[in-house]
N, C-alpha and C. Protein backbone atom coordinates (compact mmCIF):
# COMPACT_ATOMS: atom_id res chain seq x y z
N MET A 1 -14.83 190.96 46.61
CA MET A 1 -15.27 189.58 46.75
C MET A 1 -15.98 189.42 48.09
N GLU A 2 -17.23 188.94 48.07
CA GLU A 2 -18.00 188.78 49.29
C GLU A 2 -17.53 187.56 50.08
N ARG A 3 -17.88 187.55 51.36
CA ARG A 3 -17.42 186.47 52.24
C ARG A 3 -17.93 185.11 51.77
N ASP A 4 -19.18 185.05 51.31
CA ASP A 4 -19.74 183.77 50.84
C ASP A 4 -18.96 183.25 49.63
N GLU A 5 -18.58 184.17 48.75
CA GLU A 5 -17.80 183.76 47.57
C GLU A 5 -16.43 183.26 47.99
N GLU A 6 -15.81 183.96 48.94
CA GLU A 6 -14.52 183.52 49.45
C GLU A 6 -14.64 182.12 50.07
N LYS A 7 -15.72 181.93 50.84
CA LYS A 7 -15.93 180.64 51.50
C LYS A 7 -16.05 179.52 50.48
N GLN A 8 -16.78 179.77 49.41
CA GLN A 8 -16.94 178.75 48.37
C GLN A 8 -15.62 178.38 47.73
N ILE A 9 -14.80 179.40 47.46
CA ILE A 9 -13.49 179.15 46.84
C ILE A 9 -12.61 178.36 47.80
N ILE A 10 -12.61 178.75 49.07
CA ILE A 10 -11.80 178.05 50.07
C ILE A 10 -12.24 176.58 50.18
N GLU A 11 -13.54 176.34 50.16
CA GLU A 11 -14.04 174.98 50.22
C GLU A 11 -13.57 174.17 49.01
N GLN A 12 -13.54 174.79 47.84
CA GLN A 12 -13.06 174.12 46.63
C GLN A 12 -11.58 173.75 46.77
N VAL A 13 -10.79 174.69 47.31
CA VAL A 13 -9.36 174.44 47.48
C VAL A 13 -9.14 173.28 48.45
N LEU A 14 -9.86 173.32 49.58
CA LEU A 14 -9.70 172.28 50.59
C LEU A 14 -10.20 170.92 50.09
N ALA A 15 -11.10 170.95 49.10
CA ALA A 15 -11.62 169.71 48.53
C ALA A 15 -10.69 169.13 47.47
N GLY A 16 -9.61 169.87 47.16
CA GLY A 16 -8.64 169.34 46.21
C GLY A 16 -8.44 170.17 44.96
N ASN A 17 -9.31 171.16 44.74
CA ASN A 17 -9.17 172.02 43.56
C ASN A 17 -8.22 173.16 43.90
N THR A 18 -6.93 172.85 43.95
CA THR A 18 -5.95 173.85 44.38
C THR A 18 -5.85 175.03 43.42
N GLU A 19 -6.22 174.81 42.15
CA GLU A 19 -6.14 175.91 41.18
C GLU A 19 -7.11 177.04 41.53
N ALA A 20 -8.15 176.74 42.29
CA ALA A 20 -9.12 177.77 42.67
C ALA A 20 -8.48 178.83 43.57
N PHE A 21 -7.38 178.48 44.23
CA PHE A 21 -6.71 179.43 45.12
C PHE A 21 -6.22 180.65 44.35
N GLU A 22 -5.98 180.47 43.04
CA GLU A 22 -5.51 181.57 42.21
C GLU A 22 -6.49 182.75 42.23
N GLN A 23 -7.78 182.44 42.37
CA GLN A 23 -8.78 183.51 42.42
C GLN A 23 -8.56 184.41 43.62
N LEU A 24 -8.20 183.80 44.74
CA LEU A 24 -7.91 184.57 45.94
C LEU A 24 -6.63 185.38 45.80
N VAL A 25 -5.67 184.81 45.11
CA VAL A 25 -4.42 185.51 44.87
C VAL A 25 -4.66 186.74 44.00
N LEU A 26 -5.37 186.55 42.89
CA LEU A 26 -5.62 187.65 41.97
C LEU A 26 -6.42 188.77 42.62
N LYS A 27 -7.35 188.40 43.49
CA LYS A 27 -8.19 189.39 44.14
C LYS A 27 -7.41 190.22 45.16
N ASN A 28 -6.43 189.60 45.82
CA ASN A 28 -5.78 190.26 46.96
C ASN A 28 -4.32 190.63 46.74
N GLN A 29 -3.73 190.27 45.62
CA GLN A 29 -2.29 190.44 45.46
C GLN A 29 -1.85 191.91 45.49
N ALA A 30 -2.64 192.80 44.91
CA ALA A 30 -2.25 194.22 44.90
C ALA A 30 -2.24 194.80 46.31
N GLN A 31 -3.28 194.50 47.09
CA GLN A 31 -3.36 195.02 48.45
C GLN A 31 -2.27 194.43 49.33
N VAL A 32 -2.00 193.16 49.17
CA VAL A 32 -0.96 192.51 49.96
C VAL A 32 0.40 193.13 49.64
N TYR A 33 0.67 193.32 48.36
CA TYR A 33 1.95 193.93 47.96
C TYR A 33 2.07 195.35 48.49
N ASN A 34 1.02 196.15 48.35
CA ASN A 34 1.06 197.53 48.81
C ASN A 34 1.29 197.62 50.32
N LEU A 35 0.62 196.75 51.06
CA LEU A 35 0.82 196.73 52.50
C LEU A 35 2.26 196.38 52.85
N ALA A 36 2.79 195.35 52.19
CA ALA A 36 4.17 194.94 52.44
C ALA A 36 5.16 196.04 52.05
N LEU A 37 4.92 196.67 50.92
CA LEU A 37 5.83 197.72 50.44
C LEU A 37 5.89 198.87 51.43
N ARG A 38 4.73 199.26 51.95
CA ARG A 38 4.68 200.40 52.85
C ARG A 38 5.18 200.07 54.25
N MET A 39 5.25 198.80 54.56
CA MET A 39 5.78 198.41 55.87
C MET A 39 7.29 198.22 55.82
N VAL A 40 7.82 197.70 54.70
CA VAL A 40 9.25 197.39 54.66
C VAL A 40 10.05 198.31 53.75
N GLY A 41 9.38 199.01 52.82
CA GLY A 41 10.04 200.05 52.03
C GLY A 41 10.88 199.59 50.87
N SER A 42 10.89 198.33 50.55
CA SER A 42 11.69 197.81 49.44
C SER A 42 10.79 197.01 48.50
N GLU A 43 10.86 197.32 47.22
CA GLU A 43 10.01 196.63 46.25
C GLU A 43 10.32 195.14 46.20
N GLN A 44 11.61 194.79 46.17
CA GLN A 44 11.99 193.39 46.10
C GLN A 44 11.59 192.65 47.37
N ASP A 45 11.82 193.26 48.51
CA ASP A 45 11.43 192.63 49.78
C ASP A 45 9.91 192.49 49.85
N ALA A 46 9.20 193.49 49.34
CA ALA A 46 7.73 193.43 49.35
C ALA A 46 7.24 192.29 48.46
N LEU A 47 7.88 192.09 47.33
CA LEU A 47 7.52 190.97 46.45
C LEU A 47 7.76 189.64 47.15
N ASP A 48 8.91 189.53 47.80
CA ASP A 48 9.24 188.29 48.50
C ASP A 48 8.25 188.03 49.64
N ILE A 49 7.91 189.07 50.37
CA ILE A 49 6.96 188.93 51.48
C ILE A 49 5.59 188.57 50.96
N SER A 50 5.18 189.17 49.84
CA SER A 50 3.87 188.86 49.26
C SER A 50 3.78 187.40 48.88
N GLN A 51 4.84 186.90 48.24
CA GLN A 51 4.86 185.49 47.86
C GLN A 51 4.81 184.60 49.09
N GLU A 52 5.57 184.97 50.11
CA GLU A 52 5.58 184.18 51.34
C GLU A 52 4.21 184.19 52.00
N ALA A 53 3.53 185.35 51.96
CA ALA A 53 2.21 185.46 52.57
C ALA A 53 1.22 184.51 51.91
N PHE A 54 1.23 184.45 50.59
CA PHE A 54 0.29 183.57 49.89
C PHE A 54 0.66 182.10 50.07
N ILE A 55 1.94 181.81 50.14
CA ILE A 55 2.37 180.43 50.39
C ILE A 55 1.90 179.98 51.77
N ARG A 56 2.09 180.84 52.76
CA ARG A 56 1.66 180.49 54.12
C ARG A 56 0.14 180.38 54.20
N ALA A 57 -0.55 181.29 53.49
CA ALA A 57 -2.01 181.25 53.50
C ALA A 57 -2.51 179.94 52.91
N PHE A 58 -1.89 179.52 51.82
CA PHE A 58 -2.30 178.27 51.18
C PHE A 58 -2.05 177.08 52.10
N ARG A 59 -0.87 177.06 52.73
CA ARG A 59 -0.50 175.93 53.57
C ARG A 59 -1.33 175.85 54.85
N SER A 60 -1.80 177.00 55.32
CA SER A 60 -2.56 177.01 56.58
C SER A 60 -4.04 177.31 56.37
N LEU A 61 -4.52 177.08 55.15
CA LEU A 61 -5.90 177.43 54.82
C LEU A 61 -6.90 176.67 55.69
N GLU A 62 -6.53 175.46 56.10
CA GLU A 62 -7.43 174.67 56.94
C GLU A 62 -7.68 175.33 58.29
N SER A 63 -6.74 176.18 58.72
CA SER A 63 -6.88 176.84 60.02
C SER A 63 -7.73 178.11 59.93
N PHE A 64 -8.09 178.52 58.73
CA PHE A 64 -8.93 179.70 58.58
C PHE A 64 -10.35 179.36 59.00
N ARG A 65 -10.82 179.99 60.08
CA ARG A 65 -12.11 179.65 60.66
C ARG A 65 -13.28 180.39 60.03
N GLY A 66 -12.98 181.45 59.29
CA GLY A 66 -14.06 182.19 58.67
C GLY A 66 -14.72 183.21 59.58
N ASP A 67 -14.09 183.52 60.71
CA ASP A 67 -14.65 184.53 61.61
C ASP A 67 -14.62 185.92 61.00
N SER A 68 -13.69 186.14 60.08
CA SER A 68 -13.58 187.38 59.35
C SER A 68 -13.42 187.04 57.87
N LYS A 69 -13.37 188.07 57.04
CA LYS A 69 -13.13 187.82 55.63
C LYS A 69 -11.72 187.25 55.44
N PHE A 70 -11.55 186.48 54.38
CA PHE A 70 -10.25 185.92 54.07
C PHE A 70 -9.22 187.03 53.91
N SER A 71 -9.61 188.13 53.26
CA SER A 71 -8.68 189.23 53.03
C SER A 71 -8.15 189.80 54.34
N VAL A 72 -9.01 189.92 55.35
CA VAL A 72 -8.58 190.44 56.65
C VAL A 72 -7.57 189.49 57.29
N TRP A 73 -7.87 188.20 57.24
CA TRP A 73 -6.96 187.18 57.75
C TRP A 73 -5.62 187.24 57.01
N LEU A 74 -5.68 187.44 55.70
CA LEU A 74 -4.48 187.49 54.87
C LEU A 74 -3.65 188.73 55.19
N TYR A 75 -4.29 189.87 55.40
CA TYR A 75 -3.56 191.09 55.73
C TYR A 75 -2.85 190.94 57.07
N ARG A 76 -3.51 190.29 58.02
CA ARG A 76 -2.88 190.06 59.32
C ARG A 76 -1.66 189.16 59.15
N LEU A 77 -1.79 188.12 58.36
CA LEU A 77 -0.67 187.22 58.11
C LEU A 77 0.49 187.99 57.47
N THR A 78 0.17 188.82 56.48
CA THR A 78 1.18 189.64 55.81
C THR A 78 1.84 190.59 56.78
N SER A 79 1.04 191.22 57.62
CA SER A 79 1.58 192.15 58.61
C SER A 79 2.55 191.45 59.56
N ASN A 80 2.21 190.25 59.97
CA ASN A 80 3.09 189.49 60.86
C ASN A 80 4.43 189.19 60.21
N ILE A 81 4.38 188.81 58.93
CA ILE A 81 5.62 188.54 58.20
C ILE A 81 6.47 189.80 58.10
N CYS A 82 5.80 190.93 57.85
CA CYS A 82 6.51 192.21 57.76
C CYS A 82 7.16 192.58 59.09
N LEU A 83 6.43 192.39 60.18
CA LEU A 83 6.98 192.72 61.49
C LEU A 83 8.19 191.84 61.81
N ASP A 84 8.11 190.57 61.48
CA ASP A 84 9.26 189.68 61.68
C ASP A 84 10.45 190.14 60.84
N PHE A 85 10.16 190.55 59.61
CA PHE A 85 11.22 191.03 58.72
C PHE A 85 11.87 192.28 59.29
N LEU A 86 11.06 193.22 59.79
CA LEU A 86 11.59 194.47 60.33
C LEU A 86 12.43 194.22 61.58
N ARG A 87 11.98 193.30 62.43
CA ARG A 87 12.75 192.99 63.63
C ARG A 87 14.11 192.39 63.26
N ALA A 88 14.11 191.51 62.27
CA ALA A 88 15.36 190.90 61.83
C ALA A 88 16.27 191.95 61.22
N ARG A 89 15.70 192.88 60.49
CA ARG A 89 16.49 193.93 59.85
C ARG A 89 17.08 194.88 60.89
N ARG A 90 16.32 195.16 61.94
CA ARG A 90 16.85 196.02 63.00
C ARG A 90 18.03 195.35 63.70
N ARG A 91 17.92 194.04 63.85
CA ARG A 91 19.04 193.33 64.50
C ARG A 91 20.31 193.43 63.66
N LYS A 92 20.11 193.60 62.36
CA LYS A 92 21.27 193.77 61.47
C LYS A 92 21.70 195.23 61.38
N LYS A 93 20.97 196.09 62.13
CA LYS A 93 21.28 197.52 62.21
C LYS A 93 21.21 198.20 60.85
N THR A 94 20.22 197.86 60.07
CA THR A 94 19.97 198.57 58.83
C THR A 94 18.80 199.49 59.01
N VAL A 95 18.74 200.50 58.20
CA VAL A 95 17.71 201.52 58.32
C VAL A 95 16.73 201.38 57.18
N SER A 96 15.44 201.49 57.52
CA SER A 96 14.39 201.35 56.52
C SER A 96 13.66 202.66 56.33
N ILE A 97 13.32 202.94 55.08
CA ILE A 97 12.43 204.05 54.77
C ILE A 97 11.29 203.47 53.96
N SER A 98 10.07 203.63 54.46
CA SER A 98 8.93 203.13 53.72
C SER A 98 7.77 204.08 53.83
N CYS A 99 6.80 203.89 53.11
CA CYS A 99 5.42 204.31 53.25
C CYS A 99 5.06 205.77 53.33
N PHE A 100 4.17 206.14 52.51
CA PHE A 100 3.44 207.39 52.70
C PHE A 100 2.05 207.02 53.15
N VAL A 101 1.56 207.69 54.14
CA VAL A 101 0.20 207.43 54.60
C VAL A 101 -0.52 208.74 54.80
N SER A 102 -1.73 208.84 54.28
CA SER A 102 -2.52 210.06 54.46
C SER A 102 -3.12 210.08 55.84
N ASP A 103 -3.42 211.27 56.33
CA ASP A 103 -3.96 211.42 57.67
C ASP A 103 -5.39 211.92 57.56
N GLU A 104 -6.20 211.57 58.55
CA GLU A 104 -7.58 212.02 58.54
C GLU A 104 -8.13 211.97 59.94
N ASP A 105 -9.39 212.27 60.08
CA ASP A 105 -10.12 212.17 61.34
C ASP A 105 -9.54 213.09 62.41
N ASP A 106 -8.81 212.51 63.41
CA ASP A 106 -8.46 213.24 64.62
C ASP A 106 -7.19 214.07 64.50
N ALA A 107 -6.60 214.14 63.33
CA ALA A 107 -5.41 214.96 63.17
C ALA A 107 -5.57 215.83 61.93
N ALA A 108 -4.73 216.84 61.82
CA ALA A 108 -4.84 217.75 60.68
C ALA A 108 -4.45 217.05 59.39
N ASP A 109 -4.97 217.51 58.27
CA ASP A 109 -4.68 216.91 56.98
C ASP A 109 -3.23 217.15 56.59
N LEU A 110 -2.62 216.12 55.97
CA LEU A 110 -1.29 216.24 55.39
C LEU A 110 -1.47 216.22 53.89
N GLU A 111 -1.18 217.33 53.25
CA GLU A 111 -1.47 217.45 51.82
C GLU A 111 -0.19 217.31 51.00
N ILE A 112 -0.28 216.53 49.93
CA ILE A 112 0.83 216.33 49.02
C ILE A 112 0.53 217.09 47.72
N PRO A 113 1.48 217.88 47.21
CA PRO A 113 1.22 218.62 45.97
C PRO A 113 0.91 217.69 44.80
N ASP A 114 0.08 218.14 43.89
CA ASP A 114 -0.33 217.37 42.72
C ASP A 114 0.84 217.23 41.75
N GLU A 115 0.95 216.06 41.11
CA GLU A 115 2.05 215.78 40.20
C GLU A 115 2.02 216.64 38.95
N ARG A 116 0.89 217.27 38.67
CA ARG A 116 0.78 218.06 37.45
C ARG A 116 1.44 219.42 37.58
N PHE A 117 1.93 219.79 38.78
CA PHE A 117 2.50 221.11 38.98
C PHE A 117 3.93 221.18 38.46
N SER A 118 4.58 222.29 38.72
CA SER A 118 5.91 222.61 38.19
C SER A 118 6.98 221.69 38.77
N PRO A 119 8.18 221.69 38.14
CA PRO A 119 9.29 220.89 38.67
C PRO A 119 9.63 221.25 40.10
N GLN A 120 9.53 222.55 40.45
CA GLN A 120 9.81 222.96 41.82
C GLN A 120 8.82 222.32 42.79
N THR A 121 7.54 222.30 42.38
CA THR A 121 6.52 221.69 43.21
C THR A 121 6.76 220.19 43.31
N GLU A 122 7.21 219.59 42.21
CA GLU A 122 7.53 218.16 42.20
C GLU A 122 8.63 217.86 43.22
N LEU A 123 9.64 218.74 43.28
CA LEU A 123 10.73 218.55 44.22
C LEU A 123 10.23 218.66 45.65
N GLU A 124 9.39 219.66 45.90
CA GLU A 124 8.84 219.85 47.24
C GLU A 124 7.99 218.64 47.63
N ARG A 125 7.24 218.13 46.66
CA ARG A 125 6.40 216.96 46.92
C ARG A 125 7.26 215.76 47.29
N ALA A 126 8.35 215.56 46.57
CA ALA A 126 9.24 214.44 46.86
C ALA A 126 9.88 214.58 48.23
N GLU A 127 10.25 215.80 48.59
CA GLU A 127 10.86 216.04 49.90
C GLU A 127 9.87 215.77 51.02
N LEU A 128 8.62 216.20 50.83
CA LEU A 128 7.61 215.96 51.85
C LEU A 128 7.30 214.48 51.98
N ARG A 129 7.24 213.79 50.85
CA ARG A 129 7.01 212.34 50.89
C ARG A 129 8.13 211.64 51.65
N ALA A 130 9.36 212.06 51.39
CA ALA A 130 10.49 211.45 52.09
C ALA A 130 10.41 211.72 53.59
N ALA A 131 10.00 212.95 53.95
CA ALA A 131 9.85 213.29 55.36
C ALA A 131 8.78 212.43 56.02
N LEU A 132 7.68 212.20 55.31
CA LEU A 132 6.61 211.35 55.83
C LEU A 132 7.09 209.92 56.00
N ASN A 133 7.87 209.47 55.02
CA ASN A 133 8.42 208.11 55.11
C ASN A 133 9.28 207.95 56.35
N ARG A 134 10.16 208.92 56.58
CA ARG A 134 11.05 208.84 57.75
C ARG A 134 10.25 208.91 59.05
N ALA A 135 9.25 209.78 59.07
CA ALA A 135 8.43 209.91 60.27
C ALA A 135 7.68 208.63 60.57
N LEU A 136 7.15 208.00 59.53
CA LEU A 136 6.40 206.77 59.73
C LEU A 136 7.28 205.68 60.33
N GLN A 137 8.52 205.63 59.91
CA GLN A 137 9.43 204.60 60.42
C GLN A 137 9.79 204.84 61.88
N ARG A 138 9.53 206.02 62.39
CA ARG A 138 9.83 206.33 63.79
C ARG A 138 8.65 205.99 64.71
N LEU A 139 7.54 205.58 64.13
CA LEU A 139 6.41 205.16 64.95
C LEU A 139 6.69 203.78 65.54
N PRO A 140 6.15 203.50 66.72
CA PRO A 140 6.25 202.13 67.25
C PRO A 140 5.57 201.15 66.29
N ASP A 141 6.07 199.93 66.25
CA ASP A 141 5.53 198.94 65.31
C ASP A 141 4.03 198.78 65.44
N GLU A 142 3.52 198.73 66.66
CA GLU A 142 2.10 198.48 66.86
C GLU A 142 1.25 199.64 66.34
N GLN A 143 1.79 200.87 66.41
CA GLN A 143 1.05 202.02 65.88
C GLN A 143 1.11 202.04 64.35
N ARG A 144 2.29 201.78 63.81
CA ARG A 144 2.42 201.77 62.36
C ARG A 144 1.56 200.67 61.74
N GLU A 145 1.49 199.53 62.41
CA GLU A 145 0.72 198.41 61.91
C GLU A 145 -0.75 198.75 61.77
N VAL A 146 -1.37 199.29 62.83
CA VAL A 146 -2.80 199.60 62.76
C VAL A 146 -3.07 200.74 61.79
N LEU A 147 -2.14 201.69 61.71
CA LEU A 147 -2.33 202.82 60.80
C LEU A 147 -2.31 202.35 59.35
N LEU A 148 -1.41 201.45 59.02
CA LEU A 148 -1.33 200.93 57.65
C LEU A 148 -2.54 200.06 57.33
N LEU A 149 -2.97 199.24 58.28
CA LEU A 149 -4.14 198.41 58.03
C LEU A 149 -5.38 199.29 57.79
N ARG A 150 -5.42 200.44 58.47
CA ARG A 150 -6.54 201.36 58.30
C ARG A 150 -6.42 202.15 57.00
N GLU A 151 -5.26 202.77 56.77
CA GLU A 151 -5.10 203.70 55.66
C GLU A 151 -4.77 203.02 54.34
N ILE A 152 -3.95 202.00 54.38
CA ILE A 152 -3.51 201.35 53.15
C ILE A 152 -4.43 200.19 52.76
N SER A 153 -4.74 199.33 53.73
CA SER A 153 -5.60 198.19 53.42
C SER A 153 -7.07 198.54 53.47
N GLY A 154 -7.40 199.68 54.08
CA GLY A 154 -8.78 200.14 54.11
C GLY A 154 -9.69 199.35 55.02
N LEU A 155 -9.13 198.71 56.04
CA LEU A 155 -9.95 197.93 56.95
C LEU A 155 -10.69 198.84 57.92
N SER A 156 -11.85 198.40 58.35
CA SER A 156 -12.61 199.14 59.35
C SER A 156 -11.98 198.90 60.71
N TYR A 157 -12.39 199.70 61.70
CA TYR A 157 -11.88 199.50 63.05
C TYR A 157 -12.21 198.10 63.55
N ASP A 158 -13.42 197.63 63.28
CA ASP A 158 -13.83 196.31 63.73
C ASP A 158 -13.02 195.21 63.05
N GLU A 159 -12.73 195.39 61.76
CA GLU A 159 -11.94 194.39 61.04
C GLU A 159 -10.51 194.34 61.56
N ILE A 160 -9.95 195.50 61.85
CA ILE A 160 -8.60 195.53 62.42
C ILE A 160 -8.60 194.87 63.80
N ALA A 161 -9.62 195.18 64.58
CA ALA A 161 -9.72 194.59 65.91
C ALA A 161 -9.78 193.07 65.83
N ALA A 162 -10.58 192.56 64.88
CA ALA A 162 -10.70 191.11 64.72
C ALA A 162 -9.39 190.50 64.25
N ALA A 163 -8.71 191.17 63.33
CA ALA A 163 -7.46 190.64 62.79
C ALA A 163 -6.35 190.61 63.83
N LEU A 164 -6.33 191.61 64.72
CA LEU A 164 -5.26 191.71 65.69
C LEU A 164 -5.64 191.21 67.08
N SER A 165 -6.88 190.70 67.20
CA SER A 165 -7.38 190.23 68.50
C SER A 165 -7.33 191.34 69.54
N LEU A 166 -7.83 192.51 69.15
CA LEU A 166 -7.87 193.66 70.03
C LEU A 166 -9.30 194.16 70.17
N GLU A 167 -9.53 194.99 71.17
CA GLU A 167 -10.80 195.68 71.28
C GLU A 167 -10.83 196.83 70.28
N ALA A 168 -12.02 197.13 69.76
CA ALA A 168 -12.14 198.22 68.79
C ALA A 168 -11.65 199.54 69.39
N GLY A 169 -11.92 199.74 70.67
CA GLY A 169 -11.47 200.96 71.33
C GLY A 169 -9.95 201.06 71.37
N THR A 170 -9.29 199.92 71.54
CA THR A 170 -7.82 199.90 71.53
C THR A 170 -7.29 200.27 70.16
N VAL A 171 -7.94 199.75 69.12
CA VAL A 171 -7.54 200.07 67.75
C VAL A 171 -7.67 201.56 67.50
N LYS A 172 -8.80 202.14 67.86
CA LYS A 172 -9.02 203.57 67.66
C LYS A 172 -7.98 204.39 68.42
N SER A 173 -7.68 203.97 69.64
CA SER A 173 -6.70 204.69 70.44
C SER A 173 -5.32 204.64 69.81
N ARG A 174 -4.92 203.47 69.32
CA ARG A 174 -3.61 203.34 68.69
C ARG A 174 -3.52 204.18 67.43
N ILE A 175 -4.60 204.17 66.64
CA ILE A 175 -4.59 204.96 65.40
C ILE A 175 -4.52 206.44 65.72
N PHE A 176 -5.28 206.88 66.72
CA PHE A 176 -5.24 208.28 67.12
C PHE A 176 -3.83 208.67 67.55
N ARG A 177 -3.21 207.84 68.40
CA ARG A 177 -1.86 208.14 68.88
C ARG A 177 -0.86 208.13 67.74
N ALA A 178 -1.05 207.21 66.79
CA ALA A 178 -0.13 207.13 65.65
C ALA A 178 -0.22 208.40 64.81
N ARG A 179 -1.43 208.85 64.54
CA ARG A 179 -1.60 210.07 63.74
C ARG A 179 -1.02 211.29 64.47
N ARG A 180 -1.29 211.37 65.76
CA ARG A 180 -0.79 212.51 66.54
C ARG A 180 0.73 212.49 66.59
N LYS A 181 1.31 211.31 66.82
CA LYS A 181 2.77 211.21 66.89
C LYS A 181 3.39 211.53 65.54
N LEU A 182 2.75 211.08 64.45
CA LEU A 182 3.26 211.36 63.12
C LEU A 182 3.30 212.87 62.88
N CYS A 183 2.23 213.56 63.25
CA CYS A 183 2.19 215.01 63.08
C CYS A 183 3.22 215.70 63.96
N ASN A 184 3.40 215.21 65.18
CA ASN A 184 4.37 215.81 66.09
C ASN A 184 5.79 215.65 65.56
N ILE A 185 6.09 214.48 65.00
CA ILE A 185 7.42 214.25 64.44
C ILE A 185 7.68 215.20 63.28
N LEU A 186 6.69 215.31 62.39
CA LEU A 186 6.84 216.18 61.23
C LEU A 186 6.96 217.64 61.65
N SER A 187 6.20 218.04 62.66
CA SER A 187 6.26 219.42 63.15
C SER A 187 7.62 219.71 63.76
N ALA A 188 8.12 218.76 64.56
CA ALA A 188 9.43 218.95 65.21
C ALA A 188 10.55 219.04 64.19
N ASP A 189 10.40 218.34 63.08
CA ASP A 189 11.42 218.37 62.03
C ASP A 189 11.24 219.55 61.08
N GLY A 190 10.19 220.35 61.31
CA GLY A 190 9.94 221.52 60.47
C GLY A 190 9.31 221.21 59.14
N ASN A 191 8.67 220.05 59.03
CA ASN A 191 8.08 219.65 57.75
C ASN A 191 6.57 219.83 57.71
N PHE A 192 5.97 220.12 58.85
CA PHE A 192 4.51 220.21 58.89
C PHE A 192 4.09 221.09 60.04
N SER A 193 3.18 222.02 59.77
CA SER A 193 2.68 222.92 60.81
C SER A 193 1.18 222.73 60.93
N PRO A 194 0.71 222.03 61.97
CA PRO A 194 -0.73 221.83 62.14
C PRO A 194 -1.41 223.16 62.38
N PRO A 195 -2.66 223.32 61.91
CA PRO A 195 -3.36 224.58 62.09
C PRO A 195 -3.64 224.85 63.56
N ARG A 196 -3.65 226.16 63.93
CA ARG A 196 -3.99 226.54 65.30
C ARG A 196 -5.44 226.19 65.57
N SER A 197 -5.76 225.96 66.85
CA SER A 197 -7.13 225.60 67.22
C SER A 197 -8.11 226.70 66.80
N SER A 198 -7.64 227.98 66.87
CA SER A 198 -8.52 229.08 66.47
C SER A 198 -8.79 229.04 64.99
N ASP A 199 -7.78 228.60 64.20
CA ASP A 199 -7.97 228.48 62.76
C ASP A 199 -8.96 227.37 62.45
N ARG A 200 -8.87 226.25 63.20
CA ARG A 200 -9.80 225.13 62.96
C ARG A 200 -11.23 225.58 63.24
N ALA A 201 -11.38 226.39 64.30
CA ALA A 201 -12.73 226.85 64.66
C ALA A 201 -13.30 227.73 63.57
N LYS A 202 -12.41 228.46 62.88
CA LYS A 202 -12.86 229.33 61.79
C LYS A 202 -13.00 228.60 60.47
N GLY A 203 -12.54 227.34 60.47
CA GLY A 203 -12.59 226.56 59.23
C GLY A 203 -11.48 226.89 58.27
N VAL A 204 -10.36 227.47 58.78
CA VAL A 204 -9.23 227.83 57.94
C VAL A 204 -8.46 226.59 57.53
């Protein structure tokens, strides 16, 4: 959905056609749910957070200035709700396991076996996914947040910067550190061995 189309729908909602908001919900509900699920790790909690995100978006729609796409604004709102949820859960001393995130760019690739392989490969795949989930939860909130907005929501560096009121360079730095820390955690736990620099030079 293009920004102009989003703007037209928002104008209709603010003019009293509240049913038009459903178009925004249908367009963004899958991404909002996926982001919430990968941040909090519970399907039911993700559903509750998704509903809360759309309720808050509807109630505060007048405050949306249009500096970015509605979806970017909505992802930021969702992320804030998730962070509040995680902080509250930590205060209750509960442990969360969420999210698989693929790695790219400045860190080595993390490969997950294909589901079509043997049961043994399926088991290994599940174990690696669980290890990734645990590693992700050990990242600082600010690093996990930008990584998920980049990898799961597919936002550009500039969109993340706009959503979080950060400089693009800060976003890139946080994402780089998040990827590096994720690989270091997995390596320390014996779940991932990044290629040697000599291997990278050879294209291994």
